[in-house]
Amino acid sequence: MNQQKRVRRSFSANFKAQMVKLYQQGKSRSELVKQYDLTPSALDRWINQSSKSGSFKIKDNRTPEEYELIA
């Protein structure tokens, strides 16, 4: 298994919101991953973040325990 490492990409909050909206409207996770060349973990994270706080910013999705560790 000699797979090349994927180049790290960044996506705008608008793009992430659009992907989450498509998922919520019934588009399958695998379809989105394949069609937009996403990693399944990234899409799952965006869906989770959107449902938790409505924000894709890391600081908006921290748990109280994570804030404790930072302080």
PDB file of N, CA and C in Angstrom:
ATOM      1  N   MET A   1       0.836  -1.181   0.000  1.00  0.00           N
ATOM      2  CA  MET A   1       0.000   0.000   0.000  1.00  0.00           C
ATOM      3  C   MET A   1       0.880   1.242   0.000  1.00  0.00           C
ATOM      4  N   ASN A   2       1.082   1.768  -1.150  1.00  0.00           N
ATOM      5  CA  ASN A   2       1.943   2.921  -1.299  1.00  0.00           C
ATOM      6  C   ASN A   2       1.114   4.127  -1.714  1.00  0.00           C
ATOM      7  N   GLN A   3       0.197   4.547  -0.858  1.00  0.00           N
ATOM      8  CA  GLN A   3      -0.661   5.672  -1.177  1.00  0.00           C
ATOM      9  C   GLN A   3       0.061   6.975  -0.874  1.00  0.00           C
ATOM     10  N   GLN A   4      -0.134   7.936  -1.756  1.00  0.00           N
ATOM     11  CA  GLN A   4       0.461   9.238  -1.517  1.00  0.00           C
ATOM     12  C   GLN A   4      -0.374   9.998  -0.491  1.00  0.00           C
ATOM     13  N   LYS A   5       0.306  10.798   0.312  1.00  0.00           N
ATOM     14  CA  LYS A   5      -0.385  11.585   1.315  1.00  0.00           C
ATOM     15  C   LYS A   5      -1.161  12.701   0.616  1.00  0.00           C
ATOM     16  N   ARG A   6      -2.379  12.901   1.049  1.00  0.00           N
ATOM     17  CA  ARG A   6      -3.244  13.911   0.465  1.00  0.00           C
ATOM     18  C   ARG A   6      -2.794  15.300   0.900  1.00  0.00           C
ATOM     19  N   VAL A   7      -2.799  16.236  -0.024  1.00  0.00           N
ATOM     20  CA  VAL A   7      -2.440  17.616   0.283  1.00  0.00           C
ATOM     21  C   VAL A   7      -3.567  18.238   1.112  1.00  0.00           C
ATOM     22  N   ARG A   8      -3.187  18.904   2.181  1.00  0.00           N
ATOM     23  CA  ARG A   8      -4.180  19.510   3.060  1.00  0.00           C
ATOM     24  C   ARG A   8      -4.838  20.692   2.352  1.00  0.00           C
ATOM     25  N   ARG A   9      -6.158  20.673   2.362  1.00  0.00           N
ATOM     26  CA  ARG A   9      -6.910  21.750   1.738  1.00  0.00           C
ATOM     27  C   ARG A   9      -7.737  22.450   2.804  1.00  0.00           C
ATOM     28  N   SER A  10      -8.134  23.661   2.513  1.00  0.00           N
ATOM     29  CA  SER A  10      -9.025  24.354   3.439  1.00  0.00           C
ATOM     30  C   SER A  10     -10.276  24.761   2.666  1.00  0.00           C
ATOM     31  N   PHE A  11     -11.381  24.793   3.384  1.00  0.00           N
ATOM     32  CA  PHE A  11     -12.671  25.086   2.774  1.00  0.00           C
ATOM     33  C   PHE A  11     -13.321  26.242   3.520  1.00  0.00           C
ATOM     34  N   SER A  12     -14.051  27.055   2.805  1.00  0.00           N
ATOM     35  CA  SER A  12     -14.723  28.195   3.425  1.00  0.00           C
ATOM     36  C   SER A  12     -15.904  27.708   4.261  1.00  0.00           C
ATOM     37  N   ALA A  13     -16.315  28.547   5.183  1.00  0.00           N
ATOM     38  CA  ALA A  13     -17.481  28.218   6.012  1.00  0.00           C
ATOM     39  C   ALA A  13     -18.725  28.063   5.134  1.00  0.00           C
ATOM     40  N   ASN A  14     -18.814  28.844   4.068  1.00  0.00           N
ATOM     41  CA  ASN A  14     -19.963  28.734   3.159  1.00  0.00           C
ATOM     42  C   ASN A  14     -20.003  27.374   2.478  1.00  0.00           C
ATOM     43  N   PHE A  15     -18.841  26.890   2.044  1.00  0.00           N
ATOM     44  CA  PHE A  15     -18.774  25.582   1.398  1.00  0.00           C
ATOM     45  C   PHE A  15     -19.172  24.485   2.376  1.00  0.00           C
ATOM     46  N   LYS A  16     -18.641  24.566   3.601  1.00  0.00           N
ATOM     47  CA  LYS A  16     -18.970  23.563   4.619  1.00  0.00           C
ATOM     48  C   LYS A  16     -20.465  23.566   4.904  1.00  0.00           C
ATOM     49  N   ALA A  17     -21.034  24.755   5.037  1.00  0.00           N
ATOM     50  CA  ALA A  17     -22.479  24.867   5.301  1.00  0.00           C
ATOM     51  C   ALA A  17     -23.289  24.276   4.152  1.00  0.00           C
ATOM     52  N   GLN A  18     -22.818  24.492   2.937  1.00  0.00           N
ATOM     53  CA  GLN A  18     -23.504  23.939   1.771  1.00  0.00           C
ATOM     54  C   GLN A  18     -23.466  22.412   1.785  1.00  0.00           C
ATOM     55  N   MET A  19     -22.331  21.830   2.145  1.00  0.00           N
ATOM     56  CA  MET A  19     -22.208  20.378   2.216  1.00  0.00           C
ATOM     57  C   MET A  19     -23.136  19.808   3.296  1.00  0.00           C
ATOM     58  N   VAL A  20     -23.181  20.472   4.446  1.00  0.00           N
ATOM     59  CA  VAL A  20     -24.054  20.029   5.539  1.00  0.00           C
ATOM     60  C   VAL A  20     -25.510  20.114   5.095  1.00  0.00           C
ATOM     61  N   LYS A  21     -25.862  21.195   4.418  1.00  0.00           N
ATOM     62  CA  LYS A  21     -27.240  21.374   3.955  1.00  0.00           C
ATOM     63  C   LYS A  21     -27.630  20.281   2.958  1.00  0.00           C
ATOM     64  N   LEU A  22     -26.729  19.974   2.030  1.00  0.00           N
ATOM     65  CA  LEU A  22     -27.002  18.899   1.067  1.00  0.00           C
ATOM     66  C   LEU A  22     -27.213  17.569   1.790  1.00  0.00           C
ATOM     67  N   TYR A  23     -26.384  17.316   2.796  1.00  0.00           N
ATOM     68  CA  TYR A  23     -26.515  16.085   3.579  1.00  0.00           C
ATOM     69  C   TYR A  23     -27.869  16.051   4.295  1.00  0.00           C
ATOM     70  N   GLN A  24     -28.258  17.171   4.886  1.00  0.00           N
ATOM     71  CA  GLN A  24     -29.524  17.233   5.618  1.00  0.00           C
ATOM     72  C   GLN A  24     -30.732  17.115   4.687  1.00  0.00           C
ATOM     73  N   GLN A  25     -30.537  17.481   3.434  1.00  0.00           N
ATOM     74  CA  GLN A  25     -31.615  17.387   2.456  1.00  0.00           C
ATOM     75  C   GLN A  25     -31.711  15.995   1.832  1.00  0.00           C
ATOM     76  N   GLY A  26     -30.843  15.080   2.287  1.00  0.00           N
ATOM     77  CA  GLY A  26     -30.976  13.701   1.849  1.00  0.00           C
ATOM     78  C   GLY A  26     -29.880  13.174   0.949  1.00  0.00           C
ATOM     79  N   LYS A  27     -28.945  14.006   0.565  1.00  0.00           N
ATOM     80  CA  LYS A  27     -27.832  13.510  -0.256  1.00  0.00           C
ATOM     81  C   LYS A  27     -26.974  12.605   0.633  1.00  0.00           C
ATOM     82  N   SER A  28     -26.595  11.466   0.134  1.00  0.00           N
ATOM     83  CA  SER A  28     -25.857  10.516   0.964  1.00  0.00           C
ATOM     84  C   SER A  28     -24.434  10.997   1.217  1.00  0.00           C
ATOM     85  N   ARG A  29     -23.918  10.574   2.348  1.00  0.00           N
ATOM     86  CA  ARG A  29     -22.555  10.915   2.755  1.00  0.00           C
ATOM     87  C   ARG A  29     -21.558  10.462   1.696  1.00  0.00           C
ATOM     88  N   SER A  30     -21.724   9.244   1.216  1.00  0.00           N
ATOM     89  CA  SER A  30     -20.779   8.709   0.228  1.00  0.00           C
ATOM     90  C   SER A  30     -20.853   9.471  -1.093  1.00  0.00           C
ATOM     91  N   GLU A  31     -22.045   9.918  -1.481  1.00  0.00           N
ATOM     92  CA  GLU A  31     -22.179  10.716  -2.700  1.00  0.00           C
ATOM     93  C   GLU A  31     -21.419  12.036  -2.577  1.00  0.00           C
ATOM     94  N   LEU A  32     -21.575  12.705  -1.437  1.00  0.00           N
ATOM     95  CA  LEU A  32     -20.901  13.981  -1.215  1.00  0.00           C
ATOM     96  C   LEU A  32     -19.386  13.814  -1.204  1.00  0.00           C
ATOM     97  N   VAL A  33     -18.921  12.779  -0.520  1.00  0.00           N
ATOM     98  CA  VAL A  33     -17.487  12.521  -0.433  1.00  0.00           C
ATOM     99  C   VAL A  33     -16.909  12.294  -1.830  1.00  0.00           C
ATOM    100  N   LYS A  34     -17.599  11.494  -2.623  1.00  0.00           N
ATOM    101  CA  LYS A  34     -17.111  11.170  -3.964  1.00  0.00           C
ATOM    102  C   LYS A  34     -17.221  12.376  -4.902  1.00  0.00           C
ATOM    103  N   GLN A  35     -18.371  13.041  -4.903  1.00  0.00           N
ATOM    104  CA  GLN A  35     -18.620  14.130  -5.837  1.00  0.00           C
ATOM    105  C   GLN A  35     -17.706  15.336  -5.590  1.00  0.00           C
ATOM    106  N   TYR A  36     -17.439  15.639  -4.331  1.00  0.00           N
ATOM    107  CA  TYR A  36     -16.649  16.827  -4.002  1.00  0.00           C
ATOM    108  C   TYR A  36     -15.223  16.488  -3.543  1.00  0.00           C
ATOM    109  N   ASP A  37     -14.833  15.233  -3.682  1.00  0.00           N
ATOM    110  CA  ASP A  37     -13.486  14.773  -3.325  1.00  0.00           C
ATOM    111  C   ASP A  37     -13.116  15.168  -1.895  1.00  0.00           C
ATOM    112  N   LEU A  38     -14.001  14.821  -0.962  1.00  0.00           N
ATOM    113  CA  LEU A  38     -13.796  15.121   0.450  1.00  0.00           C
ATOM    114  C   LEU A  38     -13.343  13.869   1.180  1.00  0.00           C
ATOM    115  N   THR A  39     -12.814  14.051   2.370  1.00  0.00           N
ATOM    116  CA  THR A  39     -12.555  12.892   3.219  1.00  0.00           C
ATOM    117  C   THR A  39     -13.807  12.674   4.064  1.00  0.00           C
ATOM    118  N   PRO A  40     -14.157  11.427   4.316  1.00  0.00           N
ATOM    119  CA  PRO A  40     -15.342  11.165   5.141  1.00  0.00           C
ATOM    120  C   PRO A  40     -15.243  11.808   6.522  1.00  0.00           C
ATOM    121  N   SER A  41     -14.053  11.822   7.092  1.00  0.00           N
ATOM    122  CA  SER A  41     -13.894  12.394   8.434  1.00  0.00           C
ATOM    123  C   SER A  41     -14.143  13.898   8.438  1.00  0.00           C
ATOM    124  N   ALA A  42     -13.753  14.590   7.381  1.00  0.00           N
ATOM    125  CA  ALA A  42     -13.994  16.037   7.303  1.00  0.00           C
ATOM    126  C   ALA A  42     -15.485  16.316   7.236  1.00  0.00           C
ATOM    127  N   LEU A  43     -16.194  15.589   6.386  1.00  0.00           N
ATOM    128  CA  LEU A  43     -17.634  15.785   6.273  1.00  0.00           C
ATOM    129  C   LEU A  43     -18.326  15.471   7.589  1.00  0.00           C
ATOM    130  N   ASP A  44     -17.941  14.390   8.239  1.00  0.00           N
ATOM    131  CA  ASP A  44     -18.526  14.034   9.533  1.00  0.00           C
ATOM    132  C   ASP A  44     -18.287  15.134  10.566  1.00  0.00           C
ATOM    133  N   ARG A  45     -17.090  15.690  10.562  1.00  0.00           N
ATOM    134  CA  ARG A  45     -16.744  16.762  11.508  1.00  0.00           C
ATOM    135  C   ARG A  45     -17.605  17.993  11.254  1.00  0.00           C
ATOM    136  N   TRP A  46     -17.799  18.360   9.985  1.00  0.00           N
ATOM    137  CA  TRP A  46     -18.614  19.525   9.656  1.00  0.00           C
ATOM    138  C   TRP A  46     -20.062  19.323  10.082  1.00  0.00           C
ATOM    139  N   ILE A  47     -20.583  18.133   9.859  1.00  0.00           N
ATOM    140  CA  ILE A  47     -21.959  17.827  10.254  1.00  0.00           C
ATOM    141  C   ILE A  47     -22.088  17.925  11.770  1.00  0.00           C
ATOM    142  N   ASN A  48     -21.140  17.373  12.487  1.00  0.00           N
ATOM    143  CA  ASN A  48     -21.131  17.401  13.946  1.00  0.00           C
ATOM    144  C   ASN A  48     -21.028  18.836  14.459  1.00  0.00           C
ATOM    145  N   GLN A  49     -20.103  19.605  13.907  1.00  0.00           N
ATOM    146  CA  GLN A  49     -19.924  20.989  14.336  1.00  0.00           C
ATOM    147  C   GLN A  49     -21.175  21.808  14.072  1.00  0.00           C
ATOM    148  N   SER A  50     -21.777  21.595  12.940  1.00  0.00           N
ATOM    149  CA  SER A  50     -22.976  22.339  12.579  1.00  0.00           C
ATOM    150  C   SER A  50     -24.125  22.035  13.533  1.00  0.00           C
ATOM    151  N   SER A  51     -24.257  20.779  13.908  1.00  0.00           N
ATOM    152  CA  SER A  51     -25.353  20.403  14.803  1.00  0.00           C
ATOM    153  C   SER A  51     -25.094  20.850  16.240  1.00  0.00           C
ATOM    154  N   LYS A  52     -23.820  20.911  16.652  1.00  0.00           N
ATOM    155  CA  LYS A  52     -23.481  21.312  18.020  1.00  0.00           C
ATOM    156  C   LYS A  52     -23.643  22.809  18.236  1.00  0.00           C
ATOM    157  N   SER A  53     -22.977  23.596  17.402  1.00  0.00           N
ATOM    158  CA  SER A  53     -22.908  25.034  17.656  1.00  0.00           C
ATOM    159  C   SER A  53     -23.357  25.886  16.469  1.00  0.00           C
ATOM    160  N   GLY A  54     -23.493  25.265  15.321  1.00  0.00           N
ATOM    161  CA  GLY A  54     -23.826  26.039  14.133  1.00  0.00           C
ATOM    162  C   GLY A  54     -22.620  26.754  13.552  1.00  0.00           C
ATOM    163  N   SER A  55     -21.453  26.521  14.133  1.00  0.00           N
ATOM    164  CA  SER A  55     -20.231  27.191  13.706  1.00  0.00           C
ATOM    165  C   SER A  55     -19.185  26.144  13.330  1.00  0.00           C
ATOM    166  N   PHE A  56     -18.307  26.517  12.400  1.00  0.00           N
ATOM    167  CA  PHE A  56     -17.230  25.621  11.999  1.00  0.00           C
ATOM    168  C   PHE A  56     -15.904  26.015  12.622  1.00  0.00           C
ATOM    169  N   LYS A  57     -15.917  27.025  13.487  1.00  0.00           N
ATOM    170  CA  LYS A  57     -14.698  27.480  14.150  1.00  0.00           C
ATOM    171  C   LYS A  57     -14.383  26.549  15.310  1.00  0.00           C
ATOM    172  N   ILE A  58     -13.126  26.198  15.446  1.00  0.00           N
ATOM    173  CA  ILE A  58     -12.700  25.265  16.492  1.00  0.00           C
ATOM    174  C   ILE A  58     -13.065  25.795  17.874  1.00  0.00           C
ATOM    175  N   LYS A  59     -12.818  27.077  18.112  1.00  0.00           N
ATOM    176  CA  LYS A  59     -13.077  27.640  19.444  1.00  0.00           C
ATOM    177  C   LYS A  59     -14.554  27.583  19.828  1.00  0.00           C
ATOM    178  N   ASP A  60     -15.440  27.606  18.850  1.00  0.00           N
ATOM    179  CA  ASP A  60     -16.877  27.546  19.135  1.00  0.00           C
ATOM    180  C   ASP A  60     -17.355  26.133  19.448  1.00  0.00           C
ATOM    181  N   ASN A  61     -16.514  25.146  19.188  1.00  0.00           N
ATOM    182  CA  ASN A  61     -16.905  23.751  19.372  1.00  0.00           C
ATOM    183  C   ASN A  61     -16.108  23.039  20.460  1.00  0.00           C
ATOM    184  N   ARG A  62     -15.409  23.795  21.282  1.00  0.00           N
ATOM    185  CA  ARG A  62     -14.643  23.185  22.373  1.00  0.00           C
ATOM    186  C   ARG A  62     -15.563  22.793  23.522  1.00  0.00           C
ATOM    187  N   THR A  63     -15.184  21.723  24.187  1.00  0.00           N
ATOM    188  CA  THR A  63     -15.910  21.276  25.368  1.00  0.00           C
ATOM    189  C   THR A  63     -15.388  22.043  26.578  1.00  0.00           C
ATOM    190  N   PRO A  64     -16.147  22.065  27.677  1.00  0.00           N
ATOM    191  CA  PRO A  64     -15.647  22.714  28.897  1.00  0.00           C
ATOM    192  C   PRO A  64     -14.304  22.126  29.343  1.00  0.00           C
ATOM    193  N   GLU A  65     -14.124  20.829  29.144  1.00  0.00           N
ATOM    194  CA  GLU A  65     -12.866  20.180  29.532  1.00  0.00           C
ATOM    195  C   GLU A  65     -11.701  20.710  28.694  1.00  0.00           C
ATOM    196  N   GLU A  66     -11.949  20.943  27.408  1.00  0.00           N
ATOM    197  CA  GLU A  66     -10.890  21.472  26.544  1.00  0.00           C
ATOM    198  C   GLU A  66     -10.517  22.887  26.966  1.00  0.00           C
ATOM    199  N   TYR A  67     -11.508  23.684  27.339  1.00  0.00           N
ATOM    200  CA  TYR A  67     -11.218  25.032  27.829  1.00  0.00           C
ATOM    201  C   TYR A  67     -10.403  24.992  29.115  1.00  0.00           C
ATOM    202  N   GLU A  68     -10.700  24.010  29.962  1.00  0.00           N
ATOM    203  CA  GLU A  68      -9.957  23.849  31.211  1.00  0.00           C
ATOM    204  C   GLU A  68      -8.492  23.535  30.939  1.00  0.00           C
ATOM    205  N   LEU A  69      -8.235  22.687  29.960  1.00  0.00           N
ATOM    206  CA  LEU A  69      -6.865  22.319  29.631  1.00  0.00           C
ATOM    207  C   LEU A  69      -6.080  23.497  29.054  1.00  0.00           C
ATOM    208  N   ILE A  70      -6.770  24.361  28.347  1.00  0.00           N
ATOM    209  CA  ILE A  70      -6.119  25.515  27.728  1.00  0.00           C
ATOM    210  C   ILE A  70      -5.742  26.551  28.790  1.00  0.00           C
ATOM    211  N   ALA A  71      -6.604  26.723  29.785  1.00  0.00           N
ATOM    212  CA  ALA A  71      -6.388  27.774  30.789  1.00  0.00           C
ATOM    213  C   ALA A  71      -5.192  27.526  31.678  1.00  0.00           C
TER     214      ALA A  71
END
